[in-house]
Amino acid sequence: MAGLMAGYGHYTHAVVRGIPASLAKEALRSSQTEVDLAKAVKEHEAYVEVLRTRLGLEVVELPADESLPDCVFVEDAAVVCGDTALITRPGAESRRGETEAMKGALKDLNLNIVEMTDENATLDGGDVLFTGREFFVGLSKRTNQRGAEILADAFKDYAVSTVPVLDGLHLKSFCSMGGPGLIVIGSSEPAQKALKIMQQMSDHRYDKLTVPDDLAANCIYMNLPSKGHVLLHCTAEEFPESAKVLSPPSTFSNFVSLTIKHIHPQSWQEGPPSEQPNWFSGLDLKSTCLCCCSSCPGL
């Protein structure tokens, strides 16, 4: 199992997608708050530039599709692990067209494509947490048991456990991996209950880092050949108390915070809007699909 962990977080490519103008009025949401589309686009571009220039990732940029208002949130369309890409069947019917462009992009990267064709299955990538040792799949409004079963079939080398999502849109609305063996988790009761279930289901021990704000648990960990350990995370401007908790670990050579705050995906979905800021976070796992492509051309 140590060998499997050794490659965790080693990414070479990032797939992103432009923001369509239709997102402002037609994307799935729980709030009718006005969106500053120009700022959202500008901040997303800045985020992509960090991935490309500062972190040295090969960035694949897909064009925005006005007929698919949520298409910027590419993570939900695929789950990539090793040389296999599972093309999902999103829980919201309006989002299922997003998978075609993602499938084409991942196929061009020479990944083995597995498609979820069972009409009884639903799976959003936002409900899939890969720890480097195993998968946890959130059972939510968007992901069902059959979807989790198909994911298990696609990635047979890893155990797959399901976790009820009692609040929020997705499992990763309140947790993410902050490094090998480290789960960053929000402090809310639903988040802590989910963590307890994950700990009970797993044969492995994970360290945890609890942040006061669930949305601040939205981090991206990478182990990059030229940069070392990297953690992308929220800023003190967004979540001041959580930013204090997310202090640079000594093992991280890069600790990157970005202020990108116009349209957080969480505020676009079903559920109570009372604590959902109208932010877009380019750090959100939903707007990036990371790949480790040893079989990609030129690698």
C-alpha atoms as a PDB file:
ATOM      1  CA  MET A   1       0.000   0.000   0.000  1.00  0.00           C
ATOM      2  CA  ALA A   2       2.966   2.315   0.566  1.00  0.00           C
ATOM      3  CA  GLY A   3       3.729   2.108  -3.133  1.00  0.00           C
ATOM      4  CA  LEU A   4       0.259   3.354  -3.961  1.00  0.00           C
ATOM      5  CA  MET A   5       0.669   6.286  -1.603  1.00  0.00           C
ATOM      6  CA  ALA A   6       4.032   7.226  -3.091  1.00  0.00           C
ATOM      7  CA  GLY A   7       2.391   8.586  -6.221  1.00  0.00           C
ATOM      8  CA  TYR A   8      -0.465  10.405  -4.517  1.00  0.00           C
ATOM      9  CA  GLY A   9      -0.799  14.002  -5.587  1.00  0.00           C
ATOM     10  CA  HIS A  10       1.666  13.665  -8.487  1.00  0.00           C
ATOM     11  CA  TYR A  11      -0.158  15.628 -11.171  1.00  0.00           C
ATOM     12  CA  THR A  12       1.029  16.703 -14.600  1.00  0.00           C
ATOM     13  CA  HIS A  13      -2.128  18.081 -16.238  1.00  0.00           C
ATOM     14  CA  ALA A  14      -5.121  20.188 -15.237  1.00  0.00           C
ATOM     15  CA  VAL A  15      -8.331  20.343 -17.268  1.00  0.00           C
ATOM     16  CA  VAL A  16     -10.381  23.519 -16.879  1.00  0.00           C
ATOM     17  CA  ARG A  17     -13.264  25.082 -18.775  1.00  0.00           C
ATOM     18  CA  GLY A  18     -14.276  28.638 -19.512  1.00  0.00           C
ATOM     19  CA  ILE A  19     -17.182  30.390 -17.800  1.00  0.00           C
ATOM     20  CA  PRO A  20     -20.237  30.802 -20.047  1.00  0.00           C
ATOM     21  CA  ALA A  21     -22.271  34.003 -19.834  1.00  0.00           C
ATOM     22  CA  SER A  22     -25.310  31.787 -19.230  1.00  0.00           C
ATOM     23  CA  LEU A  23     -23.926  30.843 -15.807  1.00  0.00           C
ATOM     24  CA  ALA A  24     -25.085  34.164 -14.370  1.00  0.00           C
ATOM     25  CA  LYS A  25     -28.782  33.492 -14.914  1.00  0.00           C
ATOM     26  CA  GLU A  26     -29.234  29.843 -15.868  1.00  0.00           C
ATOM     27  CA  ALA A  27     -26.856  27.794 -13.698  1.00  0.00           C
ATOM     28  CA  LEU A  28     -28.291  25.661 -10.902  1.00  0.00           C
ATOM     29  CA  ARG A  29     -28.487  27.674  -7.692  1.00  0.00           C
ATOM     30  CA  SER A  30     -30.315  28.245  -4.449  1.00  0.00           C
ATOM     31  CA  SER A  31     -29.949  32.028  -4.416  1.00  0.00           C
ATOM     32  CA  GLN A  32     -30.962  34.698  -6.919  1.00  0.00           C
ATOM     33  CA  THR A  33     -28.061  36.936  -5.914  1.00  0.00           C
ATOM     34  CA  GLU A  34     -26.618  39.005  -8.767  1.00  0.00           C
ATOM     35  CA  VAL A  35     -23.348  37.681 -10.190  1.00  0.00           C
ATOM     36  CA  ASP A  36     -20.543  39.907 -11.456  1.00  0.00           C
ATOM     37  CA  LEU A  37     -19.703  37.794 -14.482  1.00  0.00           C
ATOM     38  CA  ALA A  38     -16.783  39.967 -15.590  1.00  0.00           C
ATOM     39  CA  LYS A  39     -15.050  39.564 -12.224  1.00  0.00           C
ATOM     40  CA  ALA A  40     -15.759  35.841 -12.195  1.00  0.00           C
ATOM     41  CA  VAL A  41     -14.139  35.435 -15.607  1.00  0.00           C
ATOM     42  CA  LYS A  42     -11.141  37.565 -14.623  1.00  0.00           C
ATOM     43  CA  GLU A  43     -10.565  35.643 -11.418  1.00  0.00           C
ATOM     44  CA  HIS A  44     -10.919  32.288 -13.140  1.00  0.00           C
ATOM     45  CA  GLU A  45      -8.315  33.380 -15.683  1.00  0.00           C
ATOM     46  CA  ALA A  46      -5.978  34.340 -12.835  1.00  0.00           C
ATOM     47  CA  TYR A  47      -6.466  30.927 -11.260  1.00  0.00           C
ATOM     48  CA  VAL A  48      -5.664  29.158 -14.528  1.00  0.00           C
ATOM     49  CA  GLU A  49      -2.521  31.268 -14.819  1.00  0.00           C
ATOM     50  CA  VAL A  50      -1.396  30.087 -11.369  1.00  0.00           C
ATOM     51  CA  LEU A  51      -1.848  26.473 -12.436  1.00  0.00           C
ATOM     52  CA  ARG A  52       0.095  27.020 -15.632  1.00  0.00           C
ATOM     53  CA  THR A  53       2.833  29.518 -14.738  1.00  0.00           C
ATOM     54  CA  ARG A  54       3.433  29.240 -11.018  1.00  0.00           C
ATOM     55  CA  LEU A  55       2.830  25.508 -10.646  1.00  0.00           C
ATOM     56  CA  GLY A  56       3.994  24.374 -14.071  1.00  0.00           C
ATOM     57  CA  LEU A  57       1.026  22.166 -14.899  1.00  0.00           C
ATOM     58  CA  GLU A  58       0.066  21.442 -18.483  1.00  0.00           C
ATOM     59  CA  VAL A  59      -3.337  23.124 -18.621  1.00  0.00           C
ATOM     60  CA  VAL A  60      -5.989  21.891 -21.034  1.00  0.00           C
ATOM     61  CA  GLU A  61      -8.571  24.643 -21.491  1.00  0.00           C
ATOM     62  CA  LEU A  62     -11.972  23.646 -22.825  1.00  0.00           C
ATOM     63  CA  PRO A  63     -14.164  26.385 -24.295  1.00  0.00           C
ATOM     64  CA  ALA A  64     -17.259  27.537 -22.465  1.00  0.00           C
ATOM     65  CA  ASP A  65     -20.569  26.190 -23.765  1.00  0.00           C
ATOM     66  CA  GLU A  66     -23.490  28.594 -23.443  1.00  0.00           C
ATOM     67  CA  SER A  67     -25.956  25.700 -23.542  1.00  0.00           C
ATOM     68  CA  LEU A  68     -24.313  24.252 -20.410  1.00  0.00           C
ATOM     69  CA  PRO A  69     -24.391  27.008 -17.743  1.00  0.00           C
ATOM     70  CA  ASP A  70     -22.568  24.907 -15.110  1.00  0.00           C
ATOM     71  CA  CYS A  71     -19.837  23.613 -17.414  1.00  0.00           C
ATOM     72  CA  VAL A  72     -17.038  25.497 -15.615  1.00  0.00           C
ATOM     73  CA  PHE A  73     -17.342  23.004 -12.738  1.00  0.00           C
ATOM     74  CA  VAL A  74     -15.504  20.268 -14.612  1.00  0.00           C
ATOM     75  CA  GLU A  75     -14.779  18.020 -11.649  1.00  0.00           C
ATOM     76  CA  ASP A  76     -18.291  16.619 -11.643  1.00  0.00           C
ATOM     77  CA  ALA A  77     -17.931  15.236 -15.181  1.00  0.00           C
ATOM     78  CA  ALA A  78     -15.086  12.774 -14.543  1.00  0.00           C
ATOM     79  CA  VAL A  79     -13.088  10.918 -11.902  1.00  0.00           C
ATOM     80  CA  VAL A  80      -9.453  10.356 -12.852  1.00  0.00           C
ATOM     81  CA  CYS A  81      -7.093   8.001 -11.027  1.00  0.00           C
ATOM     82  CA  GLY A  82      -3.865   6.743 -12.553  1.00  0.00           C
ATOM     83  CA  ASP A  83      -4.385   6.044 -16.236  1.00  0.00           C
ATOM     84  CA  THR A  84      -8.161   5.539 -15.954  1.00  0.00           C
ATOM     85  CA  ALA A  85     -10.855   8.174 -16.353  1.00  0.00           C
ATOM     86  CA  LEU A  86     -14.425   7.389 -15.346  1.00  0.00           C
ATOM     87  CA  ILE A  87     -16.868   9.615 -17.211  1.00  0.00           C
ATOM     88  CA  THR A  88     -19.690  10.215 -14.771  1.00  0.00           C
ATOM     89  CA  ARG A  89     -23.443  10.534 -15.104  1.00  0.00           C
ATOM     90  CA  PRO A  90     -24.210  13.760 -13.200  1.00  0.00           C
ATOM     91  CA  GLY A  91     -27.210  13.772 -10.915  1.00  0.00           C
ATOM     92  CA  ALA A  92     -28.671  16.923 -12.482  1.00  0.00           C
ATOM     93  CA  GLU A  93     -30.009  16.067 -15.929  1.00  0.00           C
ATOM     94  CA  SER A  94     -29.168  19.544 -17.208  1.00  0.00           C
ATOM     95  CA  ARG A  95     -25.476  18.837 -16.617  1.00  0.00           C
ATOM     96  CA  ARG A  96     -25.127  15.519 -18.422  1.00  0.00           C
ATOM     97  CA  GLY A  97     -24.092  17.162 -21.673  1.00  0.00           C
ATOM     98  CA  GLU A  98     -20.929  18.393 -19.952  1.00  0.00           C
ATOM     99  CA  THR A  99     -19.351  14.948 -20.089  1.00  0.00           C
ATOM    100  CA  GLU A 100     -18.805  14.873 -23.872  1.00  0.00           C
ATOM    101  CA  ALA A 101     -16.128  17.576 -23.956  1.00  0.00           C
ATOM    102  CA  MET A 102     -14.459  16.119 -20.879  1.00  0.00           C
ATOM    103  CA  LYS A 103     -14.391  12.663 -22.424  1.00  0.00           C
ATOM    104  CA  GLY A 104     -12.723  14.054 -25.540  1.00  0.00           C
ATOM    105  CA  ALA A 105     -10.094  15.941 -23.551  1.00  0.00           C
ATOM    106  CA  LEU A 106      -9.187  12.951 -21.401  1.00  0.00           C
ATOM    107  CA  LYS A 107      -9.123  10.650 -24.404  1.00  0.00           C
ATOM    108  CA  ASP A 108      -6.634  13.026 -26.050  1.00  0.00           C
ATOM    109  CA  LEU A 109      -4.449  12.578 -22.961  1.00  0.00           C
ATOM    110  CA  ASN A 110      -4.333   8.840 -23.725  1.00  0.00           C
ATOM    111  CA  LEU A 111      -6.283   7.864 -20.633  1.00  0.00           C
ATOM    112  CA  ASN A 112      -8.356   4.698 -20.541  1.00  0.00           C
ATOM    113  CA  ILE A 113     -11.959   5.884 -20.745  1.00  0.00           C
ATOM    114  CA  VAL A 114     -14.737   4.142 -18.800  1.00  0.00           C
ATOM    115  CA  GLU A 115     -18.242   5.484 -19.361  1.00  0.00           C
ATOM    116  CA  MET A 116     -21.110   5.319 -16.899  1.00  0.00           C
ATOM    117  CA  THR A 117     -24.034   4.308 -19.091  1.00  0.00           C
ATOM    118  CA  ASP A 118     -26.399   2.758 -16.537  1.00  0.00           C
ATOM    119  CA  GLU A 119     -29.504   4.971 -16.469  1.00  0.00           C
ATOM    120  CA  ASN A 120     -30.099   3.999 -12.833  1.00  0.00           C
ATOM    121  CA  ALA A 121     -26.734   5.418 -11.776  1.00  0.00           C
ATOM    122  CA  THR A 122     -25.821   8.983 -10.865  1.00  0.00           C
ATOM    123  CA  LEU A 123     -22.421  10.252  -9.811  1.00  0.00           C
ATOM    124  CA  ASP A 124     -20.946  13.737  -9.423  1.00  0.00           C
ATOM    125  CA  GLY A 125     -17.186  13.988  -9.082  1.00  0.00           C
ATOM    126  CA  GLY A 126     -17.742  16.403  -6.211  1.00  0.00           C
ATOM    127  CA  ASP A 127     -18.916  13.428  -4.158  1.00  0.00           C
ATOM    128  CA  VAL A 128     -15.709  11.447  -4.721  1.00  0.00           C
ATOM    129  CA  LEU A 129     -12.798  11.827  -2.286  1.00  0.00           C
ATOM    130  CA  PHE A 130      -9.652   9.885  -3.209  1.00  0.00           C
ATOM    131  CA  THR A 131      -7.202   9.620  -0.318  1.00  0.00           C
ATOM    132  CA  GLY A 132      -4.377   7.856  -2.138  1.00  0.00           C
ATOM    133  CA  ARG A 133      -5.357   4.661  -0.324  1.00  0.00           C
ATOM    134  CA  GLU A 134      -9.079   4.384  -1.052  1.00  0.00           C
ATOM    135  CA  PHE A 135     -12.176   6.183  -2.272  1.00  0.00           C
ATOM    136  CA  PHE A 136     -14.964   7.662  -0.200  1.00  0.00           C
ATOM    137  CA  VAL A 137     -18.153   8.373  -2.149  1.00  0.00           C
ATOM    138  CA  GLY A 138     -20.810  10.680  -0.770  1.00  0.00           C
ATOM    139  CA  LEU A 139     -24.404   9.557  -1.194  1.00  0.00           C
ATOM    140  CA  SER A 140     -26.123  12.858  -1.859  1.00  0.00           C
ATOM    141  CA  LYS A 141     -28.818  14.529  -3.921  1.00  0.00           C
ATOM    142  CA  ARG A 142     -26.536  14.025  -6.916  1.00  0.00           C
ATOM    143  CA  THR A 143     -24.895  10.639  -6.308  1.00  0.00           C
ATOM    144  CA  ASN A 144     -26.534   7.288  -5.591  1.00  0.00           C
ATOM    145  CA  GLN A 145     -25.461   3.803  -4.550  1.00  0.00           C
ATOM    146  CA  ARG A 146     -25.387   2.489  -8.119  1.00  0.00           C
ATOM    147  CA  GLY A 147     -23.024   5.275  -9.107  1.00  0.00           C
ATOM    148  CA  ALA A 148     -20.690   4.310  -6.266  1.00  0.00           C
ATOM    149  CA  GLU A 149     -20.800   0.669  -7.374  1.00  0.00           C
ATOM    150  CA  ILE A 150     -19.779   1.569 -10.917  1.00  0.00           C
ATOM    151  CA  LEU A 151     -16.892   3.653  -9.595  1.00  0.00           C
ATOM    152  CA  ALA A 152     -15.749   0.635  -7.562  1.00  0.00           C
ATOM    153  CA  ASP A 153     -15.822  -1.484 -10.721  1.00  0.00           C
ATOM    154  CA  ALA A 154     -13.744   1.112 -12.577  1.00  0.00           C
ATOM    155  CA  PHE A 155     -11.039   1.336  -9.891  1.00  0.00           C
ATOM    156  CA  LYS A 156     -10.731  -2.222  -8.621  1.00  0.00           C
ATOM    157  CA  ASP A 157      -7.336  -1.653  -6.972  1.00  0.00           C
ATOM    158  CA  TYR A 158      -8.908   0.541  -4.300  1.00  0.00           C
ATOM    159  CA  ALA A 159     -11.519   0.026  -1.617  1.00  0.00           C
ATOM    160  CA  VAL A 160     -14.658   2.151  -2.018  1.00  0.00           C
ATOM    161  CA  SER A 161     -16.832   3.184   0.937  1.00  0.00           C
ATOM    162  CA  THR A 162     -20.004   5.265   0.865  1.00  0.00           C
ATOM    163  CA  VAL A 163     -20.740   8.174   3.195  1.00  0.00           C
ATOM    164  CA  PRO A 164     -24.176   9.812   3.637  1.00  0.00           C
ATOM    165  CA  VAL A 165     -24.089  13.537   2.860  1.00  0.00           C
ATOM    166  CA  LEU A 166     -26.499  14.936   5.429  1.00  0.00           C
ATOM    167  CA  ASP A 167     -26.123  18.585   4.441  1.00  0.00           C
ATOM    168  CA  GLY A 168     -24.595  20.501   1.567  1.00  0.00           C
ATOM    169  CA  LEU A 169     -24.460  19.558  -2.074  1.00  0.00           C
ATOM    170  CA  HIS A 170     -21.510  17.156  -2.162  1.00  0.00           C
ATOM    171  CA  LEU A 171     -19.138  15.276   0.126  1.00  0.00           C
ATOM    172  CA  LYS A 172     -16.356  17.641  -0.893  1.00  0.00           C
ATOM    173  CA  SER A 173     -18.483  20.656   0.002  1.00  0.00           C
ATOM    174  CA  PHE A 174     -16.932  20.283   3.462  1.00  0.00           C
ATOM    175  CA  CYS A 175     -13.786  18.155   3.119  1.00  0.00           C
ATOM    176  CA  SER A 176     -10.750  17.544   0.945  1.00  0.00           C
ATOM    177  CA  MET A 177      -7.263  16.074   1.148  1.00  0.00           C
ATOM    178  CA  GLY A 178      -4.684  18.488   2.547  1.00  0.00           C
ATOM    179  CA  GLY A 179      -1.757  16.149   1.930  1.00  0.00           C
ATOM    180  CA  PRO A 180      -0.915  12.429   2.118  1.00  0.00           C
ATOM    181  CA  GLY A 181      -2.973  10.977   4.945  1.00  0.00           C
ATOM    182  CA  LEU A 182      -4.408  14.369   5.954  1.00  0.00           C
ATOM    183  CA  ILE A 183      -8.121  15.180   5.663  1.00  0.00           C
ATOM    184  CA  VAL A 184      -9.133  18.837   5.902  1.00  0.00           C
ATOM    185  CA  ILE A 185     -12.649  18.929   7.336  1.00  0.00           C
ATOM    186  CA  GLY A 186     -15.181  21.609   8.230  1.00  0.00           C
ATOM    187  CA  SER A 187     -16.385  22.051  11.790  1.00  0.00           C
ATOM    188  CA  SER A 188     -20.135  21.754  11.173  1.00  0.00           C
ATOM    189  CA  GLU A 189     -22.048  18.845  12.652  1.00  0.00           C
ATOM    190  CA  PRO A 190     -22.757  17.222   9.236  1.00  0.00           C
ATOM    191  CA  ALA A 191     -19.075  17.483   8.311  1.00  0.00           C
ATOM    192  CA  GLN A 192     -17.913  15.954  11.575  1.00  0.00           C
ATOM    193  CA  LYS A 193     -20.464  13.146  11.289  1.00  0.00           C
ATOM    194  CA  ALA A 194     -19.204  12.361   7.794  1.00  0.00           C
ATOM    195  CA  LEU A 195     -15.623  12.262   9.062  1.00  0.00           C
ATOM    196  CA  LYS A 196     -16.587   9.881  11.853  1.00  0.00           C
ATOM    197  CA  ILE A 197     -18.215   7.547   9.328  1.00  0.00           C
ATOM    198  CA  MET A 198     -15.121   7.654   7.112  1.00  0.00           C
ATOM    199  CA  GLN A 199     -12.915   6.805  10.085  1.00  0.00           C
ATOM    200  CA  GLN A 200     -15.177   3.896  11.029  1.00  0.00           C
ATOM    201  CA  MET A 201     -15.307   2.537   7.476  1.00  0.00           C
ATOM    202  CA  SER A 202     -11.589   2.712   6.777  1.00  0.00           C
ATOM    203  CA  ASP A 203      -8.800   0.297   7.654  1.00  0.00           C
ATOM    204  CA  HIS A 204      -6.362   3.204   7.475  1.00  0.00           C
ATOM    205  CA  ARG A 205      -5.583   5.979   9.904  1.00  0.00           C
ATOM    206  CA  TYR A 206      -5.873   9.574   8.734  1.00  0.00           C
ATOM    207  CA  ASP A 207      -4.794  12.749  10.425  1.00  0.00           C
ATOM    208  CA  LYS A 208      -7.397  15.504  10.416  1.00  0.00           C
ATOM    209  CA  LEU A 209      -7.256  19.267  10.242  1.00  0.00           C
ATOM    210  CA  THR A 210     -10.520  20.914  11.291  1.00  0.00           C
ATOM    211  CA  VAL A 211     -11.267  24.404   9.985  1.00  0.00           C
ATOM    212  CA  PRO A 212     -14.053  26.610  11.395  1.00  0.00           C
ATOM    213  CA  ASP A 213     -15.682  27.179   7.988  1.00  0.00           C
ATOM    214  CA  ASP A 214     -16.864  24.231   5.909  1.00  0.00           C
ATOM    215  CA  LEU A 215     -16.155  26.040   2.635  1.00  0.00           C
ATOM    216  CA  ALA A 216     -12.570  26.682   3.745  1.00  0.00           C
ATOM    217  CA  ALA A 217     -11.979  22.922   3.728  1.00  0.00           C
ATOM    218  CA  ASN A 218     -11.952  23.313  -0.047  1.00  0.00           C
ATOM    219  CA  CYS A 219      -8.224  22.820  -0.727  1.00  0.00           C
ATOM    220  CA  ILE A 220      -6.144  21.320  -3.502  1.00  0.00           C
ATOM    221  CA  TYR A 221      -3.045  19.303  -2.575  1.00  0.00           C
ATOM    222  CA  MET A 222      -0.415  18.530  -5.210  1.00  0.00           C
ATOM    223  CA  ASN A 223       3.033  16.960  -5.164  1.00  0.00           C
ATOM    224  CA  LEU A 224       4.698  18.442  -8.226  1.00  0.00           C
ATOM    225  CA  PRO A 225       8.078  17.317  -9.622  1.00  0.00           C
ATOM    226  CA  SER A 226       9.472  20.846  -9.913  1.00  0.00           C
ATOM    227  CA  LYS A 227       7.666  22.468  -6.967  1.00  0.00           C
ATOM    228  CA  GLY A 228       7.458  19.851  -4.228  1.00  0.00           C
ATOM    229  CA  HIS A 229       4.438  19.742  -1.935  1.00  0.00           C
ATOM    230  CA  VAL A 230       1.855  22.398  -2.764  1.00  0.00           C
ATOM    231  CA  LEU A 231      -1.383  23.309  -1.023  1.00  0.00           C
ATOM    232  CA  LEU A 232      -3.821  25.750  -2.616  1.00  0.00           C
ATOM    233  CA  HIS A 233      -6.262  27.141  -0.101  1.00  0.00           C
ATOM    234  CA  CYS A 234      -8.536  30.017   0.892  1.00  0.00           C
ATOM    235  CA  THR A 235      -7.299  33.443   1.919  1.00  0.00           C
ATOM    236  CA  ALA A 236      -7.637  35.280   5.212  1.00  0.00           C
ATOM    237  CA  GLU A 237      -9.875  37.757   3.395  1.00  0.00           C
ATOM    238  CA  GLU A 238     -12.378  35.009   2.653  1.00  0.00           C
ATOM    239  CA  PHE A 239     -12.188  32.975   5.875  1.00  0.00           C
ATOM    240  CA  PRO A 240      -9.978  34.696   8.480  1.00  0.00           C
ATOM    241  CA  GLU A 241     -10.388  32.127  11.262  1.00  0.00           C
ATOM    242  CA  SER A 242      -9.875  29.147   8.977  1.00  0.00           C
ATOM    243  CA  ALA A 243      -6.830  30.777   7.385  1.00  0.00           C
ATOM    244  CA  LYS A 244      -5.196  30.827  10.822  1.00  0.00           C
ATOM    245  CA  VAL A 245      -5.622  27.054  11.026  1.00  0.00           C
ATOM    246  CA  LEU A 246      -4.266  26.550   7.518  1.00  0.00           C
ATOM    247  CA  SER A 247      -0.737  27.601   8.442  1.00  0.00           C
ATOM    248  CA  PRO A 248       2.111  26.281   6.275  1.00  0.00           C
ATOM    249  CA  PRO A 249       3.216  22.766   7.314  1.00  0.00           C
ATOM    250  CA  SER A 250       6.992  22.363   7.324  1.00  0.00           C
ATOM    251  CA  THR A 251       6.764  19.646   4.669  1.00  0.00           C
ATOM    252  CA  PHE A 252       5.179  22.035   2.148  1.00  0.00           C
ATOM    253  CA  SER A 253       7.529  23.992  -0.088  1.00  0.00           C
ATOM    254  CA  ASN A 254       4.674  26.006  -1.613  1.00  0.00           C
ATOM    255  CA  PHE A 255       1.651  27.298   0.259  1.00  0.00           C
ATOM    256  CA  VAL A 256      -0.517  29.236  -2.178  1.00  0.00           C
ATOM    257  CA  SER A 257      -3.535  31.307  -1.212  1.00  0.00           C
ATOM    258  CA  LEU A 258      -5.713  32.969  -3.841  1.00  0.00           C
ATOM    259  CA  THR A 259      -8.512  35.487  -3.528  1.00  0.00           C
ATOM    260  CA  ILE A 260     -11.078  34.458  -6.112  1.00  0.00           C
ATOM    261  CA  LYS A 261     -14.515  35.213  -4.791  1.00  0.00           C
ATOM    262  CA  HIS A 262     -17.349  35.602  -7.257  1.00  0.00           C
ATOM    263  CA  ILE A 263     -19.749  32.651  -7.426  1.00  0.00           C
ATOM    264  CA  HIS A 264     -18.913  29.785  -5.116  1.00  0.00           C
ATOM    265  CA  PRO A 265     -20.514  26.642  -6.635  1.00  0.00           C
ATOM    266  CA  GLN A 266     -22.142  25.834  -3.321  1.00  0.00           C
ATOM    267  CA  SER A 267     -24.347  28.913  -3.677  1.00  0.00           C
ATOM    268  CA  TRP A 268     -25.646  27.734  -7.027  1.00  0.00           C
ATOM    269  CA  GLN A 269     -27.174  24.508  -5.798  1.00  0.00           C
ATOM    270  CA  GLU A 270     -30.105  23.244  -3.804  1.00  0.00           C
ATOM    271  CA  GLY A 271     -30.051  23.751  -0.066  1.00  0.00           C
ATOM    272  CA  PRO A 272     -30.233  26.513   2.537  1.00  0.00           C
ATOM    273  CA  PRO A 273     -28.633  29.701   1.152  1.00  0.00           C
ATOM    274  CA  SER A 274     -28.260  31.385   4.539  1.00  0.00           C
ATOM    275  CA  GLU A 275     -24.542  30.675   4.915  1.00  0.00           C
ATOM    276  CA  GLN A 276     -23.635  30.384   1.245  1.00  0.00           C
ATOM    277  CA  PRO A 277     -21.590  33.379   0.031  1.00  0.00           C
ATOM    278  CA  ASN A 278     -21.980  34.386  -3.593  1.00  0.00           C
ATOM    279  CA  TRP A 279     -18.390  33.508  -4.441  1.00  0.00           C
ATOM    280  CA  PHE A 280     -16.614  31.832  -7.268  1.00  0.00           C
ATOM    281  CA  SER A 281     -13.501  30.095  -5.993  1.00  0.00           C
ATOM    282  CA  GLY A 282     -11.087  28.982  -8.665  1.00  0.00           C
ATOM    283  CA  LEU A 283      -9.595  26.824  -5.952  1.00  0.00           C
ATOM    284  CA  ASP A 284     -12.784  24.853  -5.847  1.00  0.00           C
ATOM    285  CA  LEU A 285     -12.149  21.266  -6.838  1.00  0.00           C
ATOM    286  CA  LYS A 286     -15.216  21.475  -9.035  1.00  0.00           C
ATOM    287  CA  SER A 287     -13.506  23.803 -11.512  1.00  0.00           C
ATOM    288  CA  THR A 288     -10.391  21.659 -12.024  1.00  0.00           C
ATOM    289  CA  CYS A 289      -9.784  18.073 -13.111  1.00  0.00           C
ATOM    290  CA  LEU A 290      -6.234  17.001 -12.218  1.00  0.00           C
ATOM    291  CA  CYS A 291      -4.495  14.160 -14.035  1.00  0.00           C
ATOM    292  CA  CYS A 292      -1.316  12.185 -13.581  1.00  0.00           C
ATOM    293  CA  CYS A 293      -0.716  11.092 -17.160  1.00  0.00           C
ATOM    294  CA  SER A 294       2.394   8.948 -17.478  1.00  0.00           C
ATOM    295  CA  SER A 295       1.103   7.834 -20.875  1.00  0.00           C
ATOM    296  CA  CYS A 296       0.514  11.363 -22.193  1.00  0.00           C
ATOM    297  CA  PRO A 297       2.405  12.479 -25.319  1.00  0.00           C
ATOM    298  CA  GLY A 298       5.701  14.113 -24.490  1.00  0.00           C
ATOM    299  CA  LEU A 299       6.003  12.687 -20.976  1.00  0.00           C
END
